[in-house]
Each structure stands twice: as C-alpha cells, then as structure tokens.
N, C-alpha and C. Protein backbone atom coordinates (compact mmCIF):
# COMPACT_ATOMS: atom_id res chain seq x y z
N UNK A 1 109.67 78.28 114.58
CA UNK A 1 108.83 79.47 114.45
C UNK A 1 107.81 79.54 115.50
N UNK A 2 107.31 80.73 115.82
CA UNK A 2 106.44 80.93 116.92
C UNK A 2 105.05 80.45 116.63
N UNK A 3 104.39 79.90 117.68
CA UNK A 3 103.00 79.49 117.53
C UNK A 3 102.10 80.70 117.42
N UNK A 4 101.01 80.57 116.75
CA UNK A 4 100.03 81.64 116.63
C UNK A 4 98.64 81.25 117.11
N UNK A 5 97.86 82.18 117.65
CA UNK A 5 96.48 81.89 118.10
C UNK A 5 95.65 81.38 116.91
N UNK A 6 95.02 80.24 117.03
CA UNK A 6 94.33 79.59 115.97
C UNK A 6 92.93 79.13 116.40
N UNK A 7 91.91 79.59 115.71
CA UNK A 7 90.55 79.11 115.93
C UNK A 7 90.09 78.09 114.92
N UNK A 8 90.70 78.24 113.75
CA UNK A 8 90.28 77.32 112.63
C UNK A 8 91.44 77.17 111.63
N UNK A 9 91.49 76.05 110.94
CA UNK A 9 92.42 75.90 109.82
C UNK A 9 91.55 76.01 108.56
N UNK A 10 92.00 76.73 107.60
CA UNK A 10 91.29 76.93 106.32
C UNK A 10 92.03 76.19 105.24
N UNK A 11 91.33 75.27 104.60
CA UNK A 11 91.89 74.54 103.45
C UNK A 11 91.27 75.18 102.18
N UNK A 12 92.11 75.69 101.33
CA UNK A 12 91.63 76.31 100.04
C UNK A 12 92.26 75.46 98.91
N UNK A 13 91.43 75.18 97.94
CA UNK A 13 91.95 74.40 96.75
C UNK A 13 91.01 74.59 95.57
N UNK A 14 91.60 74.44 94.41
CA UNK A 14 90.80 74.41 93.22
C UNK A 14 90.79 72.93 92.73
N UNK A 15 89.61 72.39 92.63
CA UNK A 15 89.47 70.98 92.23
C UNK A 15 89.52 70.80 90.68
N UNK A 16 90.13 69.79 90.18
CA UNK A 16 90.12 69.56 88.71
C UNK A 16 88.74 69.34 88.21
N UNK A 17 88.51 69.69 86.94
CA UNK A 17 87.23 69.45 86.32
C UNK A 17 86.92 67.98 86.21
N UNK A 18 85.64 67.66 86.14
CA UNK A 18 85.17 66.32 85.97
C UNK A 18 85.67 65.33 87.05
N UNK A 19 85.58 65.84 88.29
CA UNK A 19 85.97 64.96 89.42
C UNK A 19 84.90 64.95 90.46
N UNK A 20 83.73 64.40 90.16
CA UNK A 20 82.61 64.48 91.08
C UNK A 20 82.80 63.74 92.40
N UNK A 21 83.63 62.72 92.41
CA UNK A 21 83.86 61.93 93.60
C UNK A 21 84.97 62.56 94.52
N UNK A 22 85.72 63.48 94.05
CA UNK A 22 86.79 64.00 94.84
C UNK A 22 86.30 64.90 95.95
N UNK A 23 85.34 65.69 95.72
CA UNK A 23 84.90 66.64 96.75
C UNK A 23 84.46 65.89 98.06
N UNK A 24 83.49 64.96 98.01
CA UNK A 24 83.08 64.28 99.26
C UNK A 24 84.20 63.49 99.84
N UNK A 25 85.06 62.86 99.04
CA UNK A 25 86.23 62.13 99.63
C UNK A 25 87.17 63.08 100.34
N UNK A 26 87.36 64.25 99.77
CA UNK A 26 88.31 65.21 100.39
C UNK A 26 87.68 65.70 101.75
N UNK A 27 86.42 65.99 101.76
CA UNK A 27 85.73 66.41 103.02
C UNK A 27 85.81 65.33 104.08
N UNK A 28 85.57 64.14 103.63
CA UNK A 28 85.63 62.98 104.57
C UNK A 28 87.09 62.91 105.17
N UNK A 29 88.08 63.08 104.34
CA UNK A 29 89.45 63.04 104.81
C UNK A 29 89.74 64.13 105.83
N UNK A 30 89.22 65.31 105.56
CA UNK A 30 89.48 66.45 106.44
C UNK A 30 88.86 66.24 107.83
N UNK A 31 87.71 65.49 107.89
CA UNK A 31 87.08 65.25 109.17
C UNK A 31 87.90 64.38 110.07
N UNK A 32 88.86 63.61 109.52
CA UNK A 32 89.70 62.77 110.32
C UNK A 32 91.15 63.13 110.34
N UNK A 33 91.52 64.13 109.58
CA UNK A 33 92.91 64.50 109.31
C UNK A 33 93.68 64.78 110.61
N UNK A 34 93.03 65.52 111.53
CA UNK A 34 93.74 65.87 112.74
C UNK A 34 93.46 64.96 113.89
N UNK A 35 92.76 63.86 113.64
CA UNK A 35 92.46 62.89 114.67
C UNK A 35 91.86 63.46 115.90
N UNK A 36 90.86 64.38 115.70
CA UNK A 36 90.21 65.07 116.78
C UNK A 36 88.69 65.14 116.42
N UNK A 37 87.88 64.33 117.13
CA UNK A 37 86.44 64.25 116.77
C UNK A 37 85.70 65.55 117.16
N UNK A 38 86.27 66.40 117.90
CA UNK A 38 85.66 67.64 118.30
C UNK A 38 85.76 68.75 117.22
N UNK A 39 86.64 68.53 116.21
CA UNK A 39 86.77 69.49 115.19
C UNK A 39 85.59 69.49 114.20
N UNK A 40 85.07 70.63 113.91
CA UNK A 40 83.89 70.71 113.02
C UNK A 40 84.32 71.18 111.67
N UNK A 41 83.92 70.58 110.59
CA UNK A 41 84.27 71.00 109.25
C UNK A 41 83.06 71.76 108.67
N UNK A 42 83.36 72.98 108.25
CA UNK A 42 82.35 73.83 107.63
C UNK A 42 82.88 74.10 106.21
N UNK A 43 82.25 73.49 105.19
CA UNK A 43 82.88 73.53 103.91
C UNK A 43 81.90 74.15 102.88
N UNK A 44 82.45 74.84 101.92
CA UNK A 44 81.73 75.55 100.90
C UNK A 44 82.45 75.38 99.58
N UNK A 45 81.64 75.38 98.49
CA UNK A 45 82.18 75.09 97.17
C UNK A 45 81.62 76.06 96.10
N UNK A 46 82.49 76.60 95.30
CA UNK A 46 82.02 77.46 94.12
C UNK A 46 82.23 76.63 92.89
N UNK A 47 81.09 76.15 92.35
CA UNK A 47 81.13 75.25 91.21
C UNK A 47 81.70 75.83 89.98
N UNK A 48 81.36 77.11 89.68
CA UNK A 48 81.86 77.78 88.49
C UNK A 48 83.36 77.89 88.51
N UNK A 49 83.99 78.11 89.65
CA UNK A 49 85.42 78.22 89.73
C UNK A 49 86.10 76.95 90.12
N UNK A 50 85.29 76.01 90.69
CA UNK A 50 85.91 74.74 91.15
C UNK A 50 86.68 74.99 92.44
N UNK A 51 86.25 75.99 93.22
CA UNK A 51 86.99 76.35 94.39
C UNK A 51 86.39 75.86 95.69
N UNK A 52 87.19 75.25 96.51
CA UNK A 52 86.74 74.71 97.82
C UNK A 52 87.29 75.58 98.89
N UNK A 53 86.51 75.97 99.89
CA UNK A 53 86.99 76.57 101.16
C UNK A 53 86.41 75.63 102.21
N UNK A 54 87.33 75.00 103.01
CA UNK A 54 86.91 74.12 104.09
C UNK A 54 87.52 74.62 105.37
N UNK A 55 86.67 75.02 106.30
CA UNK A 55 87.13 75.50 107.64
C UNK A 55 87.13 74.34 108.65
N UNK A 56 88.23 74.07 109.26
CA UNK A 56 88.32 73.08 110.31
C UNK A 56 88.28 73.85 111.66
N UNK A 57 87.11 73.94 112.30
CA UNK A 57 86.89 74.76 113.49
C UNK A 57 87.37 73.95 114.74
N UNK A 58 88.30 74.52 115.44
CA UNK A 58 88.75 73.87 116.66
C UNK A 58 87.78 74.12 117.81
N UNK A 59 87.70 73.23 118.77
CA UNK A 59 86.69 73.42 119.88
C UNK A 59 87.01 74.63 120.70
N UNK A 60 88.24 75.02 120.70
CA UNK A 60 88.71 76.23 121.50
C UNK A 60 89.98 76.75 120.88
N UNK A 61 90.29 78.00 121.10
CA UNK A 61 91.51 78.57 120.52
C UNK A 61 92.74 77.86 121.05
N UNK A 62 93.66 77.62 120.10
CA UNK A 62 94.87 76.95 120.44
C UNK A 62 96.07 77.74 119.89
N UNK A 63 97.23 77.54 120.52
CA UNK A 63 98.44 78.13 119.97
C UNK A 63 99.11 77.02 119.13
N UNK A 64 99.01 77.19 117.81
CA UNK A 64 99.52 76.14 116.94
C UNK A 64 100.76 76.63 116.18
N UNK A 65 101.69 75.75 116.06
CA UNK A 65 102.89 76.08 115.22
C UNK A 65 102.52 75.98 113.77
N UNK A 66 103.18 76.73 112.90
CA UNK A 66 102.90 76.73 111.45
C UNK A 66 103.08 75.34 110.90
N UNK A 67 103.86 74.48 111.53
CA UNK A 67 104.09 73.09 111.01
C UNK A 67 102.84 72.36 110.89
N UNK A 68 101.79 72.68 111.75
CA UNK A 68 100.58 71.90 111.68
C UNK A 68 99.90 72.12 110.38
N UNK A 69 99.77 73.37 109.98
CA UNK A 69 99.12 73.72 108.68
C UNK A 69 99.99 73.17 107.49
N UNK A 70 101.29 73.29 107.60
CA UNK A 70 102.15 72.86 106.55
C UNK A 70 102.10 71.33 106.39
N UNK A 71 101.94 70.59 107.47
CA UNK A 71 101.88 69.16 107.45
C UNK A 71 100.59 68.70 106.74
N UNK A 72 99.47 69.37 107.13
CA UNK A 72 98.18 69.01 106.49
C UNK A 72 98.19 69.29 105.01
N UNK A 73 98.81 70.41 104.67
CA UNK A 73 98.92 70.78 103.25
C UNK A 73 99.71 69.73 102.47
N UNK A 74 100.79 69.26 103.04
CA UNK A 74 101.61 68.29 102.37
C UNK A 74 100.87 66.95 102.21
N UNK A 75 100.16 66.58 103.26
CA UNK A 75 99.37 65.37 103.26
C UNK A 75 98.32 65.38 102.18
N UNK A 76 97.61 66.47 102.08
CA UNK A 76 96.56 66.56 101.07
C UNK A 76 97.16 66.56 99.64
N UNK A 77 98.25 67.28 99.48
CA UNK A 77 98.82 67.30 98.15
C UNK A 77 99.36 65.98 97.72
N UNK A 78 99.86 65.20 98.72
CA UNK A 78 100.38 63.84 98.31
C UNK A 78 99.21 62.91 97.98
N UNK A 79 98.15 63.08 98.75
CA UNK A 79 96.97 62.18 98.51
C UNK A 79 96.22 62.53 97.22
N UNK A 80 96.13 63.81 96.97
CA UNK A 80 95.43 64.29 95.74
C UNK A 80 96.29 65.21 94.98
N UNK A 81 97.20 64.72 94.21
CA UNK A 81 98.19 65.59 93.50
C UNK A 81 97.54 66.45 92.42
N UNK A 82 96.22 66.12 92.05
CA UNK A 82 95.59 66.96 91.04
C UNK A 82 95.02 68.27 91.64
N UNK A 83 94.98 68.40 92.98
CA UNK A 83 94.48 69.62 93.57
C UNK A 83 95.40 70.80 93.16
N UNK A 84 94.75 71.89 92.78
CA UNK A 84 95.47 73.06 92.35
C UNK A 84 95.30 74.19 93.37
N UNK A 85 96.27 75.09 93.49
CA UNK A 85 96.28 76.25 94.35
C UNK A 85 95.94 75.83 95.75
N UNK A 86 96.47 74.68 96.17
CA UNK A 86 96.19 74.20 97.51
C UNK A 86 96.98 74.93 98.54
N UNK A 87 96.31 75.41 99.62
CA UNK A 87 97.06 76.03 100.75
C UNK A 87 96.21 75.86 101.96
N UNK A 88 96.88 75.76 103.07
CA UNK A 88 96.29 75.61 104.38
C UNK A 88 96.75 76.73 105.24
N UNK A 89 95.79 77.42 105.91
CA UNK A 89 96.11 78.64 106.72
C UNK A 89 95.57 78.54 108.11
N UNK A 90 96.27 79.17 109.02
CA UNK A 90 95.76 79.28 110.41
C UNK A 90 94.94 80.58 110.54
N UNK A 91 93.71 80.46 111.01
CA UNK A 91 92.81 81.57 111.14
C UNK A 91 92.54 81.92 112.62
N UNK A 92 92.60 83.23 112.90
CA UNK A 92 92.25 83.68 114.23
C UNK A 92 90.89 84.42 114.09
N UNK A 93 89.94 83.99 114.93
CA UNK A 93 88.60 84.66 114.88
C UNK A 93 88.59 85.95 115.60
N UNK A 94 88.11 87.00 114.84
CA UNK A 94 88.08 88.38 115.47
C UNK A 94 86.67 88.71 115.77
N UNK A 95 85.66 88.15 115.18
CA UNK A 95 84.26 88.50 115.41
C UNK A 95 83.43 87.30 114.98
N UNK A 96 82.34 87.10 115.74
CA UNK A 96 81.40 86.00 115.40
C UNK A 96 80.04 86.31 116.00
N UNK A 97 79.00 86.27 115.20
CA UNK A 97 77.65 86.61 115.73
C UNK A 97 76.61 85.83 114.91
N UNK A 98 75.62 85.29 115.67
CA UNK A 98 74.44 84.75 115.03
C UNK A 98 73.65 85.89 114.31
N UNK A 99 73.10 85.51 113.15
CA UNK A 99 72.37 86.50 112.41
C UNK A 99 70.88 86.48 112.68
N UNK A 100 70.18 87.32 112.02
CA UNK A 100 68.75 87.51 112.11
C UNK A 100 67.99 86.16 111.77
N UNK A 101 68.57 85.44 110.89
CA UNK A 101 67.94 84.17 110.49
C UNK A 101 68.65 82.94 111.01
N UNK A 102 69.16 83.06 112.25
CA UNK A 102 69.97 82.00 112.80
C UNK A 102 69.24 80.66 113.00
N UNK A 103 67.92 80.71 113.02
CA UNK A 103 67.10 79.52 113.16
C UNK A 103 66.92 78.79 111.85
N UNK A 104 67.38 79.38 110.74
CA UNK A 104 67.22 78.82 109.38
C UNK A 104 68.49 78.16 108.90
N UNK A 105 68.35 77.10 108.18
CA UNK A 105 69.51 76.38 107.66
C UNK A 105 70.14 77.20 106.51
N UNK A 106 71.38 77.58 106.61
CA UNK A 106 72.01 78.38 105.58
C UNK A 106 72.30 77.53 104.33
N UNK A 107 72.32 78.18 103.17
CA UNK A 107 72.52 77.52 101.90
C UNK A 107 73.74 78.06 101.19
N UNK A 108 74.09 79.30 101.45
CA UNK A 108 75.24 79.93 100.76
C UNK A 108 76.24 80.50 101.80
N UNK A 109 77.45 80.63 101.35
CA UNK A 109 78.53 81.12 102.17
C UNK A 109 79.24 82.25 101.30
N UNK A 110 79.15 83.47 101.77
CA UNK A 110 79.71 84.62 101.07
C UNK A 110 80.98 85.06 101.81
N UNK A 111 82.03 85.26 101.12
CA UNK A 111 83.34 85.65 101.71
C UNK A 111 83.93 86.86 101.01
N UNK A 112 84.29 87.86 101.86
CA UNK A 112 84.99 89.09 101.31
C UNK A 112 86.39 89.05 101.97
N UNK A 113 87.37 88.94 101.13
CA UNK A 113 88.73 88.88 101.55
C UNK A 113 89.47 90.16 101.14
N UNK A 114 90.32 90.68 101.95
CA UNK A 114 91.04 91.97 101.57
C UNK A 114 92.31 92.08 102.41
N UNK A 115 93.27 92.85 101.88
CA UNK A 115 94.38 93.30 102.63
C UNK A 115 94.19 94.79 102.85
N UNK A 116 94.41 95.27 104.09
CA UNK A 116 94.18 96.68 104.34
C UNK A 116 95.32 97.56 103.71
N UNK A 117 94.99 98.71 103.28
CA UNK A 117 95.96 99.64 102.85
C UNK A 117 96.91 99.96 104.04
N UNK A 118 98.17 100.15 103.75
CA UNK A 118 99.16 100.35 104.83
C UNK A 118 98.74 101.40 105.81
N UNK A 119 98.74 100.97 107.10
CA UNK A 119 98.39 101.86 108.24
C UNK A 119 96.92 101.90 108.55
N UNK A 120 96.06 101.21 107.79
CA UNK A 120 94.62 101.27 107.99
C UNK A 120 94.04 100.09 108.71
N UNK A 121 94.83 99.07 109.09
CA UNK A 121 94.31 97.91 109.74
C UNK A 121 93.52 98.18 111.00
N UNK A 122 94.05 99.05 111.88
CA UNK A 122 93.32 99.28 113.14
C UNK A 122 91.91 99.83 112.95
N UNK A 123 91.77 100.86 112.02
CA UNK A 123 90.45 101.40 111.81
C UNK A 123 89.56 100.48 111.04
N UNK A 124 90.12 99.78 110.07
CA UNK A 124 89.34 98.79 109.36
C UNK A 124 88.82 97.73 110.27
N UNK A 125 89.63 97.25 111.16
CA UNK A 125 89.16 96.29 112.17
C UNK A 125 88.05 96.81 113.05
N UNK A 126 88.19 98.04 113.50
CA UNK A 126 87.20 98.65 114.36
C UNK A 126 85.85 98.83 113.56
N UNK A 127 85.97 99.27 112.35
CA UNK A 127 84.73 99.43 111.52
C UNK A 127 84.06 98.06 111.27
N UNK A 128 84.86 97.06 110.92
CA UNK A 128 84.32 95.77 110.63
C UNK A 128 83.60 95.21 111.89
N UNK A 129 84.26 95.22 113.05
CA UNK A 129 83.84 94.51 114.21
C UNK A 129 82.83 95.27 115.08
N UNK A 130 82.69 96.62 114.90
CA UNK A 130 81.74 97.33 115.71
C UNK A 130 80.52 97.90 114.90
N UNK A 131 80.71 98.04 113.60
CA UNK A 131 79.57 98.56 112.75
C UNK A 131 79.18 97.62 111.66
N UNK A 132 80.13 97.28 110.82
CA UNK A 132 79.78 96.61 109.56
C UNK A 132 79.24 95.25 109.71
N UNK A 133 80.01 94.30 110.36
CA UNK A 133 79.57 92.94 110.48
C UNK A 133 78.39 92.79 111.45
N UNK A 134 78.43 93.53 112.57
CA UNK A 134 77.21 93.43 113.43
C UNK A 134 75.95 93.90 112.75
N UNK A 135 76.10 94.98 111.85
CA UNK A 135 74.96 95.46 111.12
C UNK A 135 74.46 94.47 110.11
N UNK A 136 75.38 93.83 109.36
CA UNK A 136 74.94 92.83 108.35
C UNK A 136 74.32 91.62 109.02
N UNK A 137 74.77 91.28 110.26
CA UNK A 137 74.18 90.12 110.95
C UNK A 137 72.69 90.34 111.25
N UNK A 138 72.23 91.58 111.39
CA UNK A 138 70.82 91.87 111.68
C UNK A 138 69.97 91.81 110.47
N UNK A 139 70.48 91.61 109.27
CA UNK A 139 69.69 91.58 108.03
C UNK A 139 69.00 90.25 107.93
N UNK A 140 67.68 90.23 107.63
CA UNK A 140 67.00 89.02 107.39
C UNK A 140 67.65 88.21 106.22
N UNK A 141 67.89 86.95 106.47
CA UNK A 141 68.58 86.09 105.46
C UNK A 141 69.97 85.78 105.85
N UNK A 142 70.55 86.52 106.85
CA UNK A 142 71.88 86.29 107.32
C UNK A 142 71.81 85.33 108.56
N UNK A 143 72.44 84.16 108.44
CA UNK A 143 72.36 83.15 109.49
C UNK A 143 73.53 83.36 110.49
N UNK A 144 74.73 83.73 109.97
CA UNK A 144 75.86 83.94 110.82
C UNK A 144 76.84 84.86 110.17
N UNK A 145 77.53 85.67 110.91
CA UNK A 145 78.49 86.63 110.33
C UNK A 145 79.74 86.54 111.23
N UNK A 146 80.92 86.34 110.56
CA UNK A 146 82.18 86.14 111.24
C UNK A 146 83.31 86.85 110.52
N UNK A 147 84.41 87.14 111.22
CA UNK A 147 85.59 87.62 110.58
C UNK A 147 86.84 87.01 111.19
N UNK A 148 87.78 86.74 110.30
CA UNK A 148 89.04 86.06 110.65
C UNK A 148 90.24 86.83 110.15
N UNK A 149 91.34 86.65 110.83
CA UNK A 149 92.60 87.14 110.31
C UNK A 149 93.44 85.82 109.92
N UNK A 150 93.96 85.89 108.65
CA UNK A 150 94.78 84.75 108.17
C UNK A 150 96.20 85.03 108.51
N UNK A 151 96.79 84.11 109.30
CA UNK A 151 98.15 84.23 109.79
C UNK A 151 99.23 83.75 108.74
N UNK A 152 98.76 83.14 107.66
CA UNK A 152 99.67 82.49 106.77
C UNK A 152 99.68 83.04 105.33
N UNK A 153 98.57 83.51 104.86
CA UNK A 153 98.45 83.87 103.47
C UNK A 153 97.63 85.16 103.32
N UNK A 154 97.89 85.82 102.23
CA UNK A 154 97.17 87.00 101.80
C UNK A 154 95.99 86.52 100.96
N UNK A 155 94.82 87.23 101.03
CA UNK A 155 94.49 88.37 101.82
C UNK A 155 94.39 88.10 103.37
N UNK A 156 94.69 89.16 104.11
CA UNK A 156 94.79 89.04 105.55
C UNK A 156 93.46 88.83 106.21
N UNK A 157 92.43 89.58 105.79
CA UNK A 157 91.14 89.59 106.48
C UNK A 157 90.10 88.90 105.63
N UNK A 158 89.30 88.01 106.35
CA UNK A 158 88.17 87.28 105.72
C UNK A 158 86.91 87.58 106.49
N UNK A 159 85.97 88.25 105.90
CA UNK A 159 84.62 88.43 106.42
C UNK A 159 83.71 87.38 105.78
N UNK A 160 83.07 86.65 106.59
CA UNK A 160 82.33 85.46 106.17
C UNK A 160 80.87 85.53 106.57
N UNK A 161 79.95 85.27 105.69
CA UNK A 161 78.49 85.32 105.97
C UNK A 161 77.82 84.05 105.45
N UNK A 162 77.12 83.39 106.36
CA UNK A 162 76.27 82.24 105.96
C UNK A 162 74.88 82.87 105.68
N UNK A 163 74.32 82.48 104.52
CA UNK A 163 73.11 83.14 104.03
C UNK A 163 72.05 82.11 103.63
N UNK A 164 70.79 82.57 103.69
CA UNK A 164 69.69 81.66 103.24
C UNK A 164 69.53 81.81 101.71
N UNK A 165 69.67 83.02 101.20
CA UNK A 165 69.58 83.19 99.76
C UNK A 165 70.67 84.19 99.33
N UNK A 166 71.04 84.08 98.01
CA UNK A 166 71.97 85.02 97.51
C UNK A 166 71.37 86.43 97.41
N UNK A 167 70.07 86.47 97.29
CA UNK A 167 69.41 87.84 97.15
C UNK A 167 69.55 88.68 98.39
N UNK A 168 69.94 88.06 99.50
CA UNK A 168 70.20 88.83 100.74
C UNK A 168 71.11 89.97 100.49
N UNK A 169 72.14 89.78 99.60
CA UNK A 169 73.19 90.78 99.38
C UNK A 169 72.61 92.02 98.72
N UNK A 170 71.53 91.90 97.96
CA UNK A 170 70.92 93.11 97.32
C UNK A 170 69.71 93.60 97.96
N UNK A 171 69.42 93.07 99.18
CA UNK A 171 68.20 93.54 99.87
C UNK A 171 68.40 94.95 100.45
N UNK A 172 67.33 95.69 100.56
CA UNK A 172 67.49 97.06 101.13
C UNK A 172 68.18 97.12 102.49
N UNK A 173 67.89 96.20 103.46
CA UNK A 173 68.60 96.32 104.72
C UNK A 173 70.08 96.08 104.59
N UNK A 174 70.49 95.14 103.75
CA UNK A 174 71.94 94.85 103.51
C UNK A 174 72.57 96.11 102.91
N UNK A 175 71.97 96.68 101.85
CA UNK A 175 72.54 97.82 101.19
C UNK A 175 72.62 99.03 102.14
N UNK A 176 71.66 99.17 103.08
CA UNK A 176 71.68 100.30 103.99
C UNK A 176 72.93 100.18 104.90
N UNK A 177 73.31 99.00 105.34
CA UNK A 177 74.44 98.82 106.21
C UNK A 177 75.79 99.16 105.39
N UNK A 178 75.77 98.75 104.10
CA UNK A 178 76.92 99.00 103.25
C UNK A 178 77.12 100.50 102.94
N UNK A 179 76.05 101.28 103.01
CA UNK A 179 76.09 102.68 102.53
C UNK A 179 76.28 103.68 103.62
N UNK A 180 76.80 103.30 104.78
CA UNK A 180 76.99 104.30 105.87
C UNK A 180 78.21 105.20 105.48
N UNK A 181 78.33 106.30 106.23
CA UNK A 181 79.43 107.20 105.98
C UNK A 181 80.79 106.48 106.30
N UNK A 182 80.79 105.73 107.39
CA UNK A 182 82.01 105.00 107.80
C UNK A 182 82.45 104.03 106.72
N UNK A 183 81.39 103.29 106.17
CA UNK A 183 81.68 102.31 105.11
C UNK A 183 82.29 102.96 103.91
N UNK A 184 81.72 104.13 103.52
CA UNK A 184 82.24 104.83 102.42
C UNK A 184 83.72 105.27 102.55
N UNK A 185 84.15 105.51 103.83
CA UNK A 185 85.54 105.95 104.04
C UNK A 185 86.47 104.68 104.02
N UNK A 186 85.92 103.51 104.50
CA UNK A 186 86.75 102.36 104.69
C UNK A 186 86.91 101.54 103.39
N UNK A 187 85.93 101.43 102.60
CA UNK A 187 86.02 100.52 101.43
C UNK A 187 87.11 100.86 100.46
N UNK A 188 87.44 102.16 100.24
CA UNK A 188 88.55 102.49 99.39
C UNK A 188 89.93 102.03 99.93
N UNK A 189 89.95 101.71 101.23
CA UNK A 189 91.22 101.23 101.86
C UNK A 189 91.43 99.79 101.71
N UNK A 190 90.50 99.08 101.01
CA UNK A 190 90.69 97.64 100.72
C UNK A 190 91.73 97.49 99.56
N UNK A 191 92.61 96.49 99.64
CA UNK A 191 93.47 96.13 98.53
C UNK A 191 93.37 94.60 98.38
N UNK A 192 93.74 94.10 97.21
CA UNK A 192 93.69 92.67 96.94
C UNK A 192 92.36 92.05 97.34
N UNK A 193 91.27 92.77 96.97
CA UNK A 193 89.91 92.32 97.42
C UNK A 193 89.41 91.13 96.56
N UNK A 194 88.90 90.18 97.24
CA UNK A 194 88.31 88.99 96.56
C UNK A 194 86.91 88.77 97.20
N UNK A 195 85.86 88.73 96.36
CA UNK A 195 84.51 88.48 96.87
C UNK A 195 84.01 87.22 96.20
N UNK A 196 83.58 86.21 96.91
CA UNK A 196 83.17 84.93 96.36
C UNK A 196 81.88 84.45 97.08
N UNK A 197 80.95 83.97 96.23
CA UNK A 197 79.81 83.37 96.74
C UNK A 197 79.91 81.81 96.53
N UNK A 198 79.70 81.10 97.63
CA UNK A 198 79.81 79.63 97.60
C UNK A 198 78.50 78.99 97.91
N UNK A 199 78.32 77.74 97.47
CA UNK A 199 77.29 76.87 97.98
C UNK A 199 77.94 76.20 99.23
N UNK A 200 77.08 76.10 100.30
CA UNK A 200 77.52 75.26 101.37
C UNK A 200 77.60 73.81 100.95
N UNK A 201 78.38 73.03 101.58
CA UNK A 201 78.80 71.75 101.03
C UNK A 201 77.59 70.80 100.86
N UNK A 202 76.60 70.93 101.75
CA UNK A 202 75.41 70.04 101.66
C UNK A 202 74.70 70.24 100.31
N UNK A 203 74.64 71.52 99.91
CA UNK A 203 74.00 71.80 98.63
C UNK A 203 74.90 71.32 97.50
N UNK A 204 76.24 71.55 97.64
CA UNK A 204 77.15 71.10 96.63
C UNK A 204 77.12 69.58 96.44
N UNK A 205 76.93 68.88 97.55
CA UNK A 205 76.82 67.39 97.46
C UNK A 205 75.63 66.96 96.65
N UNK A 206 74.57 67.66 96.82
CA UNK A 206 73.34 67.32 96.06
C UNK A 206 73.52 67.61 94.62
C-alpha cells in the first residue's frame, strides 16, 4: 500500500474502569514505542468516557506506510488486551497556529471530529483553515489551534484546541467566531460529528 504524508500518529482507546495505573504506563510505552527520542507525545484523557487520545508528533512530516500504524496498534493490543476501541491513525496536519493565550499552560483539549457531506470537503477545508480556526485561535483562553486529516479512520477531519479553561467555549469572542455567515453555511455540512472535551494528561495524572 502507498505511503501517506504523516505529521502525527493518533492512538485512540477506551481504558477499562478501575485501572488507575494503566494510563501512565501506556503513555510511558508510547514515548518509546517508535524508538525515536524526537517524537513528542501530546496526550489527553476524558475521565467520564475513559477515552484516551494520544498524539505522537513527528519532528517533521514523513511518508509512512500504513504498516507503521498497524504494527503499533497490534503491539499495544497485545501488551494491554483490556484496551477497548483501540485504533492507531496517521494524521496529516492541515493547519496549526499558536493562540491568544500561547504563553499559558493549557489544561484542556477540545476536539471536533467530522466527515464532510459529499462534495463539500474543499469548501469546508477553506472555511476551517482561513476563517474558523484562525478566528478561534485569537480568542483569549485558546493556547493552540490545529486541524488534521485522518488517513485511516473516520471521522476524516479533526479540529483540535488546547484551552486554559472549558469556559472559553462559551465566551463571547468564541461564540462570535462560530456565528459568522460562512459558519452557518458550513456547519450543516458536517456528518458523523463528534465533540469531546479532554483533560490534558498532566491534569489527568494528578
């Protein structure tokens, strides 16, 4: 199979209940899984759902064969057979910008995942990368705003925001960006939409 441009590998899994030691052990394993000290792990956890999203950021974009993600997935499943809904995906970064609060340590990670309605991907991408995500990055409380395309699993598009507080989502500047005319035309074109608020792993560890 053909290699695809990859900026990060995304590990998604649901952790079994009552497994407090599994999360840090899993993150530690991911830091050494690809035997590359330059890979940075950016991990987030939703305690209510038991859902982990761990991004393994490569130092630069690489052309990776699907076998890399598949091999990591197999390794993790063999080591921790109790992991549920485990999947590893290759992500291509489409947009990345420091936010208005870039100097502040983020506490939360908010992800909006969606598949575009048939034929709408070009305009949705243009809206996301020229108006919506740049606009949300300027909102106080937003530390970083990024968007990725998932080459392996649906939903296709992941818009990711590192935040100082959850209340950033309901702030007047955030809502103003969401309520533009272009936003109103694009949002109905989302399908399979998943919105999740995570604790960044440092907070989850505490």
